[in-house]
């Protein structure tokens, strides 16, 4: 659907702090659940949140944007075999909201950085095959973010980890509640 330009997006003004926390809370619950289940191989990681105190309002499709955040978080967990800290940040600049997710994982070789948002591209074929995946997640994430006039990019150092960034224009204030408009 993305290729044909027919992906339907339902834009809403949402509180990015709340949506990001919602996604991170789900990952915290998965971590806790895995720790209690003796049949599960648990990765020893924790999620550190560094959010602006201000509410950040953006116009996105909340379902599609949740999929983007899920994909980046899943990759952070998947490619951090030793665990470690995943740092989730949300800051507000003069014109943009910038969200980032950093891991302490395998990192991405410099030669591959320009290609990771291409469809079906996988960094190290043997490493990727062992981890599963299709090579579509980041390509789809990029297309979705661009539908919201946003930008996604990565900084990475091999054997140290990766940081994925998403930049979105923010809306100046909380939306009016339709119910109060009478």
N, C-alpha and C. Protein backbone atom coordinates (compact mmCIF):
# COMPACT_ATOMS: atom_id res chain seq x y z
N UNK A 1 0.82 -1.20 0.00
CA UNK A 1 0.00 0.00 0.00
C UNK A 1 0.85 1.25 0.00
N UNK A 2 1.97 1.20 0.72
CA UNK A 2 2.83 2.37 0.73
C UNK A 2 3.40 2.62 -0.66
N UNK A 3 3.83 1.53 -1.34
CA UNK A 3 4.42 1.67 -2.67
C UNK A 3 3.46 2.36 -3.63
N UNK A 4 2.18 2.05 -3.51
CA UNK A 4 1.19 2.60 -4.43
C UNK A 4 0.66 3.94 -3.95
N UNK A 5 1.13 4.40 -2.82
CA UNK A 5 0.66 5.67 -2.28
C UNK A 5 -0.77 5.60 -1.76
N UNK A 6 -1.21 4.39 -1.44
CA UNK A 6 -2.60 4.23 -1.00
C UNK A 6 -2.73 3.97 0.49
N UNK A 7 -1.63 4.10 1.22
CA UNK A 7 -1.73 3.89 2.66
C UNK A 7 -2.62 4.99 3.24
N UNK A 8 -3.65 4.57 3.93
CA UNK A 8 -4.57 5.54 4.52
C UNK A 8 -4.06 5.96 5.88
N UNK A 9 -3.94 7.25 6.07
CA UNK A 9 -3.55 7.76 7.39
C UNK A 9 -4.70 8.58 7.95
N UNK A 10 -4.93 8.40 9.23
CA UNK A 10 -5.97 9.15 9.93
C UNK A 10 -5.26 10.07 10.92
N UNK A 11 -5.02 11.29 10.48
CA UNK A 11 -4.26 12.23 11.30
C UNK A 11 -5.08 12.72 12.49
N UNK A 12 -4.40 12.75 13.62
CA UNK A 12 -4.99 13.29 14.85
C UNK A 12 -3.91 14.08 15.57
N UNK A 13 -4.30 15.09 16.29
CA UNK A 13 -3.34 15.79 17.16
C UNK A 13 -3.29 15.01 18.46
N UNK A 14 -2.11 14.51 18.79
CA UNK A 14 -1.95 13.66 19.98
C UNK A 14 -0.83 14.20 20.87
N UNK A 15 -0.88 13.79 22.13
CA UNK A 15 0.18 14.12 23.08
C UNK A 15 1.29 13.08 22.89
N UNK A 16 2.41 13.52 22.33
CA UNK A 16 3.51 12.60 22.03
C UNK A 16 4.11 12.00 23.30
N UNK A 17 4.15 12.77 24.38
CA UNK A 17 4.67 12.26 25.65
C UNK A 17 3.86 11.02 26.06
N UNK A 18 2.54 11.14 25.99
CA UNK A 18 1.65 10.04 26.42
C UNK A 18 1.79 8.83 25.52
N UNK A 19 1.80 9.05 24.20
CA UNK A 19 1.90 7.91 23.27
C UNK A 19 3.23 7.19 23.44
N UNK A 20 4.32 7.94 23.55
CA UNK A 20 5.65 7.35 23.70
C UNK A 20 5.70 6.55 25.01
N UNK A 21 5.19 7.13 26.09
CA UNK A 21 5.15 6.42 27.37
C UNK A 21 4.31 5.15 27.29
N UNK A 22 3.18 5.21 26.59
CA UNK A 22 2.32 4.04 26.41
C UNK A 22 3.10 2.89 25.77
N UNK A 23 3.84 3.19 24.71
CA UNK A 23 4.64 2.16 24.02
C UNK A 23 5.73 1.63 24.96
N UNK A 24 6.44 2.52 25.64
CA UNK A 24 7.52 2.10 26.54
C UNK A 24 6.97 1.28 27.71
N UNK A 25 5.81 1.64 28.23
CA UNK A 25 5.20 0.87 29.32
C UNK A 25 4.90 -0.55 28.88
N UNK A 26 4.47 -0.73 27.64
CA UNK A 26 4.23 -2.09 27.13
C UNK A 26 5.53 -2.90 27.12
N UNK A 27 6.62 -2.28 26.72
CA UNK A 27 7.91 -2.99 26.72
C UNK A 27 8.35 -3.30 28.15
N UNK A 28 8.10 -2.39 29.09
CA UNK A 28 8.38 -2.68 30.50
C UNK A 28 7.59 -3.89 30.98
N UNK A 29 6.31 -3.97 30.59
CA UNK A 29 5.47 -5.10 31.01
C UNK A 29 5.96 -6.41 30.41
N UNK A 30 6.40 -6.37 29.15
CA UNK A 30 6.95 -7.58 28.51
C UNK A 30 8.19 -8.03 29.27
N UNK A 31 9.04 -7.08 29.63
CA UNK A 31 10.26 -7.39 30.38
C UNK A 31 9.92 -8.04 31.71
N UNK A 32 8.96 -7.47 32.43
CA UNK A 32 8.55 -8.03 33.72
C UNK A 32 7.94 -9.42 33.55
N UNK A 33 7.13 -9.59 32.54
CA UNK A 33 6.48 -10.87 32.27
C UNK A 33 7.52 -11.94 31.94
N UNK A 34 8.50 -11.58 31.09
CA UNK A 34 9.56 -12.53 30.74
C UNK A 34 10.38 -12.92 31.96
N UNK A 35 10.63 -11.97 32.85
CA UNK A 35 11.43 -12.24 34.05
C UNK A 35 10.73 -13.25 34.96
N UNK A 36 9.40 -13.25 34.97
CA UNK A 36 8.64 -14.17 35.82
C UNK A 36 8.46 -15.55 35.20
N UNK A 37 8.62 -15.63 33.88
CA UNK A 37 8.40 -16.90 33.17
C UNK A 37 9.73 -17.63 33.04
N UNK A 38 9.86 -18.75 33.73
CA UNK A 38 11.15 -19.46 33.72
C UNK A 38 11.46 -20.11 32.38
N UNK A 39 10.46 -20.25 31.50
CA UNK A 39 10.69 -20.86 30.19
C UNK A 39 11.15 -19.85 29.13
N UNK A 40 11.27 -18.60 29.52
CA UNK A 40 11.63 -17.55 28.58
C UNK A 40 13.08 -17.13 28.81
N UNK A 41 13.79 -16.95 27.71
CA UNK A 41 15.15 -16.40 27.82
C UNK A 41 14.98 -14.89 27.96
N UNK A 42 15.39 -14.37 29.09
CA UNK A 42 15.19 -12.95 29.39
C UNK A 42 16.44 -12.16 29.05
N UNK A 43 16.23 -11.07 28.33
CA UNK A 43 17.33 -10.14 28.09
C UNK A 43 17.32 -9.16 29.25
N UNK A 44 18.48 -8.91 29.79
CA UNK A 44 18.58 -8.03 30.94
C UNK A 44 18.77 -6.58 30.47
N UNK A 45 17.66 -5.94 30.16
CA UNK A 45 17.75 -4.54 29.77
C UNK A 45 16.76 -3.72 30.59
N UNK A 46 17.00 -2.43 30.63
CA UNK A 46 16.03 -1.54 31.26
C UNK A 46 15.83 -0.33 30.37
N UNK A 47 14.70 0.33 30.56
CA UNK A 47 14.36 1.48 29.73
C UNK A 47 14.46 2.74 30.58
N UNK A 48 15.31 3.65 30.15
CA UNK A 48 15.50 4.93 30.81
C UNK A 48 14.75 5.99 30.00
N UNK A 49 13.92 6.78 30.66
CA UNK A 49 13.16 7.83 29.99
C UNK A 49 13.75 9.19 30.33
N UNK A 50 13.99 9.98 29.31
CA UNK A 50 14.43 11.37 29.47
C UNK A 50 13.52 12.23 28.60
N UNK A 51 12.44 12.71 29.21
CA UNK A 51 11.42 13.46 28.47
C UNK A 51 11.40 14.91 28.92
N UNK A 52 11.08 15.79 27.99
CA UNK A 52 10.81 17.18 28.35
C UNK A 52 9.62 17.21 29.30
N UNK A 53 9.61 18.19 30.18
CA UNK A 53 8.48 18.32 31.11
C UNK A 53 7.24 18.90 30.41
N UNK A 54 7.49 19.58 29.29
CA UNK A 54 6.38 20.18 28.54
C UNK A 54 5.63 19.10 27.75
N UNK A 55 4.32 19.27 27.63
CA UNK A 55 3.56 18.39 26.74
C UNK A 55 3.92 18.74 25.31
N UNK A 56 4.08 17.71 24.48
CA UNK A 56 4.41 17.91 23.08
C UNK A 56 3.25 17.35 22.25
N UNK A 57 2.62 18.21 21.47
CA UNK A 57 1.47 17.82 20.64
C UNK A 57 1.92 17.76 19.19
N UNK A 58 1.63 16.63 18.53
CA UNK A 58 1.98 16.45 17.12
C UNK A 58 0.78 15.90 16.37
N UNK A 59 0.81 16.07 15.05
CA UNK A 59 -0.28 15.54 14.22
C UNK A 59 0.23 14.31 13.48
N UNK A 60 -0.24 13.15 13.90
CA UNK A 60 0.16 11.87 13.31
C UNK A 60 -1.05 10.94 13.30
N UNK A 61 -0.89 9.80 12.64
CA UNK A 61 -1.85 8.71 12.77
C UNK A 61 -1.35 7.90 13.97
N UNK A 62 -2.07 7.89 15.10
CA UNK A 62 -1.54 7.25 16.30
C UNK A 62 -1.25 5.76 16.13
N UNK A 63 -2.07 5.05 15.36
CA UNK A 63 -1.83 3.61 15.16
C UNK A 63 -0.56 3.38 14.35
N UNK A 64 -0.41 4.13 13.28
CA UNK A 64 0.78 3.96 12.43
C UNK A 64 2.05 4.40 13.18
N UNK A 65 1.94 5.48 13.95
CA UNK A 65 3.12 5.96 14.67
C UNK A 65 3.49 4.99 15.79
N UNK A 66 2.50 4.36 16.41
CA UNK A 66 2.78 3.33 17.42
C UNK A 66 3.55 2.18 16.78
N UNK A 67 3.19 1.80 15.55
CA UNK A 67 3.91 0.74 14.85
C UNK A 67 5.37 1.12 14.61
N UNK A 68 5.60 2.39 14.28
CA UNK A 68 6.98 2.86 14.07
C UNK A 68 7.78 2.73 15.37
N UNK A 69 7.20 3.21 16.48
CA UNK A 69 7.90 3.13 17.77
C UNK A 69 8.11 1.68 18.19
N UNK A 70 7.11 0.84 17.99
CA UNK A 70 7.25 -0.60 18.30
C UNK A 70 8.40 -1.20 17.51
N UNK A 71 8.49 -0.88 16.24
CA UNK A 71 9.53 -1.43 15.39
C UNK A 71 10.92 -1.03 15.89
N UNK A 72 11.10 0.25 16.20
CA UNK A 72 12.41 0.71 16.65
C UNK A 72 12.75 0.11 18.01
N UNK A 73 11.77 0.04 18.91
CA UNK A 73 12.02 -0.59 20.22
C UNK A 73 12.32 -2.08 20.07
N UNK A 74 11.58 -2.77 19.22
CA UNK A 74 11.86 -4.20 19.00
C UNK A 74 13.28 -4.40 18.49
N UNK A 75 13.73 -3.55 17.56
CA UNK A 75 15.09 -3.64 17.06
C UNK A 75 16.10 -3.37 18.17
N UNK A 76 15.82 -2.39 19.02
CA UNK A 76 16.74 -2.06 20.12
C UNK A 76 16.92 -3.27 21.03
N UNK A 77 15.82 -3.98 21.31
CA UNK A 77 15.89 -5.17 22.15
C UNK A 77 16.59 -6.31 21.40
N UNK A 78 16.17 -6.53 20.16
CA UNK A 78 16.66 -7.65 19.37
C UNK A 78 18.17 -7.59 19.14
N UNK A 79 18.67 -6.39 18.84
CA UNK A 79 20.09 -6.25 18.50
C UNK A 79 20.94 -5.80 19.68
N UNK A 80 20.43 -6.00 20.89
CA UNK A 80 21.20 -5.77 22.11
C UNK A 80 21.28 -7.09 22.87
N UNK A 81 22.05 -8.04 22.34
CA UNK A 81 22.04 -9.38 22.93
C UNK A 81 22.48 -9.42 24.38
N UNK A 82 23.31 -8.47 24.78
CA UNK A 82 23.77 -8.45 26.17
C UNK A 82 22.87 -7.65 27.08
N UNK A 83 21.78 -7.13 26.53
CA UNK A 83 20.91 -6.29 27.36
C UNK A 83 21.42 -4.88 27.42
N UNK A 84 21.41 -4.31 28.62
CA UNK A 84 21.86 -2.94 28.78
C UNK A 84 20.70 -1.98 28.90
N UNK A 85 21.01 -0.72 28.72
CA UNK A 85 20.01 0.33 28.87
C UNK A 85 19.55 0.81 27.50
N UNK A 86 18.25 0.90 27.35
CA UNK A 86 17.65 1.54 26.18
C UNK A 86 17.17 2.90 26.68
N UNK A 87 17.70 3.95 26.07
CA UNK A 87 17.34 5.31 26.50
C UNK A 87 16.36 5.91 25.51
N UNK A 88 15.21 6.32 26.04
CA UNK A 88 14.16 6.94 25.23
C UNK A 88 14.11 8.42 25.60
N UNK A 89 14.29 9.28 24.61
CA UNK A 89 14.32 10.72 24.87
C UNK A 89 13.24 11.42 24.04
N UNK A 90 12.74 12.50 24.60
CA UNK A 90 11.81 13.37 23.88
C UNK A 90 12.15 14.80 24.24
N UNK A 91 12.56 15.58 23.24
CA UNK A 91 12.88 16.99 23.48
C UNK A 91 12.08 17.86 22.51
N UNK A 92 12.03 19.13 22.84
CA UNK A 92 11.31 20.09 22.01
C UNK A 92 12.30 21.19 21.63
N UNK A 93 12.49 21.41 20.33
CA UNK A 93 13.31 22.53 19.88
C UNK A 93 12.36 23.68 19.54
N UNK A 94 12.87 24.72 18.90
CA UNK A 94 12.00 25.86 18.57
C UNK A 94 10.86 25.46 17.64
N UNK A 95 11.11 24.51 16.75
CA UNK A 95 10.08 24.18 15.75
C UNK A 95 9.74 22.70 15.67
N UNK A 96 10.52 21.85 16.32
CA UNK A 96 10.35 20.41 16.13
C UNK A 96 10.32 19.67 17.47
N UNK A 97 9.65 18.53 17.43
CA UNK A 97 9.75 17.55 18.52
C UNK A 97 10.75 16.51 18.03
N UNK A 98 11.71 16.17 18.87
CA UNK A 98 12.69 15.16 18.49
C UNK A 98 12.66 14.05 19.52
N UNK A 99 12.38 12.88 19.01
CA UNK A 99 12.27 11.68 19.83
C UNK A 99 13.45 10.80 19.45
N UNK A 100 14.07 10.15 20.41
CA UNK A 100 15.17 9.24 20.07
C UNK A 100 15.12 8.00 20.95
N UNK A 101 15.62 6.91 20.37
CA UNK A 101 15.73 5.63 21.08
C UNK A 101 17.16 5.14 20.87
N UNK A 102 17.91 4.99 21.97
CA UNK A 102 19.31 4.56 21.92
C UNK A 102 19.45 3.22 22.59
N UNK A 103 20.28 2.36 21.99
CA UNK A 103 20.56 1.07 22.62
C UNK A 103 22.07 0.92 22.80
N UNK A 104 22.46 -0.14 23.50
CA UNK A 104 23.87 -0.44 23.72
C UNK A 104 24.20 -1.76 23.03
N UNK A 105 23.70 -1.89 21.82
CA UNK A 105 23.76 -3.17 21.12
C UNK A 105 24.91 -3.30 20.14
N UNK A 106 24.65 -4.06 19.09
CA UNK A 106 25.67 -4.42 18.11
C UNK A 106 26.11 -3.25 17.24
N UNK A 107 25.25 -2.26 17.09
CA UNK A 107 25.57 -1.14 16.22
C UNK A 107 25.48 -1.53 14.76
N UNK A 108 25.63 -0.55 13.90
CA UNK A 108 25.51 -0.75 12.46
C UNK A 108 26.81 -0.28 11.82
N UNK A 109 27.43 -1.12 10.98
CA UNK A 109 28.67 -0.70 10.32
C UNK A 109 28.44 0.57 9.49
N UNK A 110 29.43 1.45 9.49
CA UNK A 110 29.33 2.73 8.77
C UNK A 110 28.93 2.53 7.30
N UNK A 111 29.46 1.48 6.67
CA UNK A 111 29.18 1.24 5.25
C UNK A 111 27.71 0.92 4.99
N UNK A 112 26.99 0.51 6.02
CA UNK A 112 25.58 0.13 5.84
C UNK A 112 24.59 1.22 6.23
N UNK A 113 25.07 2.29 6.86
CA UNK A 113 24.16 3.31 7.40
C UNK A 113 23.26 3.93 6.33
N UNK A 114 23.79 4.14 5.12
CA UNK A 114 22.98 4.77 4.07
C UNK A 114 21.89 3.85 3.53
N UNK A 115 21.97 2.57 3.82
CA UNK A 115 21.03 1.62 3.23
C UNK A 115 19.98 1.07 4.18
N UNK A 116 20.10 1.32 5.48
CA UNK A 116 19.22 0.60 6.41
C UNK A 116 17.75 0.96 6.29
N UNK A 117 17.43 2.08 5.65
CA UNK A 117 16.02 2.43 5.46
C UNK A 117 15.50 1.95 4.10
N UNK A 118 16.33 1.20 3.36
CA UNK A 118 15.90 0.64 2.07
C UNK A 118 15.17 -0.68 2.31
N UNK A 119 14.15 -0.93 1.47
CA UNK A 119 13.38 -2.17 1.60
C UNK A 119 14.28 -3.39 1.43
N UNK A 120 14.07 -4.38 2.26
CA UNK A 120 14.73 -5.69 2.25
C UNK A 120 16.21 -5.64 2.60
N UNK A 121 16.75 -4.47 2.91
CA UNK A 121 18.16 -4.40 3.30
C UNK A 121 18.31 -4.90 4.72
N UNK A 122 19.31 -5.77 4.90
CA UNK A 122 19.64 -6.25 6.24
C UNK A 122 21.14 -6.13 6.41
N UNK A 123 21.56 -5.68 7.58
CA UNK A 123 22.96 -5.34 7.79
C UNK A 123 23.88 -6.52 7.53
N UNK A 124 23.89 -7.46 8.41
CA UNK A 124 24.75 -8.64 8.28
C UNK A 124 23.80 -9.80 8.09
N UNK A 125 23.87 -10.41 6.91
CA UNK A 125 22.87 -11.44 6.57
C UNK A 125 22.82 -12.55 7.61
N UNK A 126 23.97 -13.00 8.10
CA UNK A 126 23.94 -14.10 9.08
C UNK A 126 23.37 -13.63 10.41
N UNK A 127 23.74 -12.44 10.83
CA UNK A 127 23.23 -11.89 12.08
C UNK A 127 21.72 -11.66 11.96
N UNK A 128 21.28 -11.10 10.84
CA UNK A 128 19.87 -10.81 10.64
C UNK A 128 19.05 -12.09 10.55
N UNK A 129 19.58 -13.08 9.88
CA UNK A 129 18.84 -14.34 9.74
C UNK A 129 18.64 -14.97 11.10
N UNK A 130 19.67 -14.92 11.94
CA UNK A 130 19.55 -15.50 13.29
C UNK A 130 18.50 -14.75 14.10
N UNK A 131 18.37 -13.46 13.87
CA UNK A 131 17.42 -12.65 14.63
C UNK A 131 16.03 -12.66 14.02
N UNK A 132 15.90 -13.12 12.79
CA UNK A 132 14.60 -13.07 12.11
C UNK A 132 14.39 -11.70 11.50
N UNK A 133 13.26 -11.52 10.86
CA UNK A 133 12.94 -10.24 10.25
C UNK A 133 13.01 -10.31 8.74
N UNK A 134 12.42 -9.29 8.12
CA UNK A 134 12.30 -9.28 6.66
C UNK A 134 13.11 -8.18 6.00
N UNK A 135 13.60 -7.23 6.78
CA UNK A 135 14.26 -6.08 6.19
C UNK A 135 13.27 -5.02 5.72
N UNK A 136 12.04 -5.09 6.22
CA UNK A 136 11.02 -4.11 5.83
C UNK A 136 10.72 -3.09 6.92
N UNK A 137 10.97 -3.42 8.17
CA UNK A 137 10.54 -2.59 9.28
C UNK A 137 10.99 -1.15 9.21
N UNK A 138 12.28 -0.92 8.98
CA UNK A 138 12.79 0.46 8.95
C UNK A 138 12.35 1.19 7.69
N UNK A 139 12.22 0.47 6.58
CA UNK A 139 11.75 1.10 5.34
C UNK A 139 10.32 1.59 5.52
N UNK A 140 9.49 0.76 6.11
CA UNK A 140 8.09 1.15 6.36
C UNK A 140 8.05 2.28 7.38
N UNK A 141 8.87 2.19 8.42
CA UNK A 141 8.91 3.26 9.43
C UNK A 141 9.25 4.60 8.78
N UNK A 142 10.23 4.59 7.88
CA UNK A 142 10.62 5.84 7.20
C UNK A 142 9.46 6.39 6.38
N UNK A 143 8.80 5.51 5.63
CA UNK A 143 7.69 5.97 4.78
C UNK A 143 6.55 6.54 5.63
N UNK A 144 6.27 5.90 6.77
CA UNK A 144 5.21 6.38 7.65
C UNK A 144 5.59 7.75 8.22
N UNK A 145 6.80 7.87 8.75
CA UNK A 145 7.23 9.15 9.34
C UNK A 145 7.18 10.26 8.29
N UNK A 146 7.59 9.95 7.06
CA UNK A 146 7.56 10.97 6.01
C UNK A 146 6.13 11.37 5.64
N UNK A 147 5.16 10.47 5.84
CA UNK A 147 3.74 10.81 5.61
C UNK A 147 3.31 11.93 6.56
N UNK A 148 3.97 12.03 7.71
CA UNK A 148 3.64 13.07 8.69
C UNK A 148 4.58 14.27 8.55
N UNK A 149 5.26 14.37 7.39
CA UNK A 149 6.24 15.44 7.14
C UNK A 149 7.34 15.43 8.19
N UNK A 150 7.68 14.23 8.63
CA UNK A 150 8.74 14.05 9.60
C UNK A 150 10.00 13.51 8.94
N UNK A 151 10.99 13.28 9.76
CA UNK A 151 12.27 12.76 9.29
C UNK A 151 12.75 11.72 10.29
N UNK A 152 13.36 10.64 9.78
CA UNK A 152 13.94 9.61 10.64
C UNK A 152 15.37 9.38 10.19
N UNK A 153 16.28 9.23 11.14
CA UNK A 153 17.68 8.97 10.81
C UNK A 153 18.32 8.22 11.97
N UNK A 154 19.57 7.79 11.74
CA UNK A 154 20.26 6.99 12.75
C UNK A 154 21.71 7.44 12.88
N UNK A 155 22.23 7.37 14.10
CA UNK A 155 23.67 7.46 14.38
C UNK A 155 24.03 6.12 14.99
N UNK A 156 25.15 5.55 14.59
CA UNK A 156 25.51 4.25 15.12
C UNK A 156 27.01 4.05 15.13
N UNK A 157 27.49 3.34 16.15
CA UNK A 157 28.88 2.94 16.24
C UNK A 157 28.89 1.43 16.45
N UNK A 158 29.59 0.75 15.57
CA UNK A 158 29.63 -0.71 15.65
C UNK A 158 30.14 -1.16 17.02
N UNK A 159 29.48 -2.14 17.58
CA UNK A 159 29.77 -2.72 18.90
C UNK A 159 29.52 -1.77 20.07
N UNK A 160 28.92 -0.62 19.83
CA UNK A 160 28.58 0.32 20.90
C UNK A 160 27.08 0.58 20.96
N UNK A 161 26.42 0.56 19.81
CA UNK A 161 24.98 0.78 19.80
C UNK A 161 24.53 1.78 18.76
N UNK A 162 23.22 1.96 18.71
CA UNK A 162 22.59 2.84 17.72
C UNK A 162 21.61 3.78 18.41
N UNK A 163 21.44 4.93 17.81
CA UNK A 163 20.40 5.87 18.23
C UNK A 163 19.57 6.23 17.01
N UNK A 164 18.28 5.94 17.08
CA UNK A 164 17.34 6.31 16.03
C UNK A 164 16.62 7.57 16.46
N UNK A 165 16.52 8.51 15.55
CA UNK A 165 15.87 9.80 15.81
C UNK A 165 14.66 9.97 14.91
N UNK A 166 13.63 10.59 15.45
CA UNK A 166 12.47 10.99 14.65
C UNK A 166 12.19 12.45 14.98
N UNK A 167 12.08 13.25 13.94
CA UNK A 167 11.78 14.68 14.09
C UNK A 167 10.42 14.95 13.46
N UNK A 168 9.55 15.62 14.23
CA UNK A 168 8.21 15.97 13.76
C UNK A 168 7.92 17.43 14.12
N UNK A 169 7.17 18.10 13.26
CA UNK A 169 6.71 19.44 13.61
C UNK A 169 5.69 19.29 14.73
N UNK A 170 5.72 20.20 15.68
CA UNK A 170 4.72 20.09 16.74
C UNK A 170 3.66 21.16 16.57
N UNK A 171 2.52 20.88 17.16
CA UNK A 171 1.40 21.80 17.16
C UNK A 171 1.57 22.67 18.40
N UNK A 172 1.30 23.96 18.28
CA UNK A 172 1.58 24.90 19.36
C UNK A 172 0.87 24.62 20.68
N UNK A 173 -0.32 24.09 20.62
CA UNK A 173 -1.04 23.90 21.88
C UNK A 173 -1.96 22.70 21.80
N UNK A 174 -2.47 22.35 22.95
CA UNK A 174 -3.40 21.24 23.06
C UNK A 174 -4.63 21.52 22.19
N UNK A 175 -5.12 20.50 21.47
CA UNK A 175 -6.28 20.72 20.60
C UNK A 175 -7.54 21.03 21.41
N UNK A 176 -8.43 21.76 20.78
CA UNK A 176 -9.73 22.05 21.41
C UNK A 176 -10.50 20.74 21.53
N UNK A 177 -11.19 20.57 22.60
CA UNK A 177 -12.03 19.38 22.78
C UNK A 177 -13.37 19.64 22.08
N UNK A 178 -13.69 18.81 21.09
CA UNK A 178 -14.93 18.99 20.31
C UNK A 178 -16.16 19.03 21.20
N UNK A 179 -16.13 18.31 22.30
CA UNK A 179 -17.31 18.22 23.17
C UNK A 179 -17.60 19.54 23.87
N UNK A 180 -16.56 20.34 24.05
CA UNK A 180 -16.74 21.61 24.76
C UNK A 180 -17.15 22.75 23.83
N UNK A 181 -17.25 22.48 22.55
CA UNK A 181 -17.45 23.54 21.56
C UNK A 181 -18.89 24.05 21.48
N UNK A 182 -19.77 23.57 22.31
CA UNK A 182 -21.18 23.97 22.20
C UNK A 182 -21.43 25.34 22.77
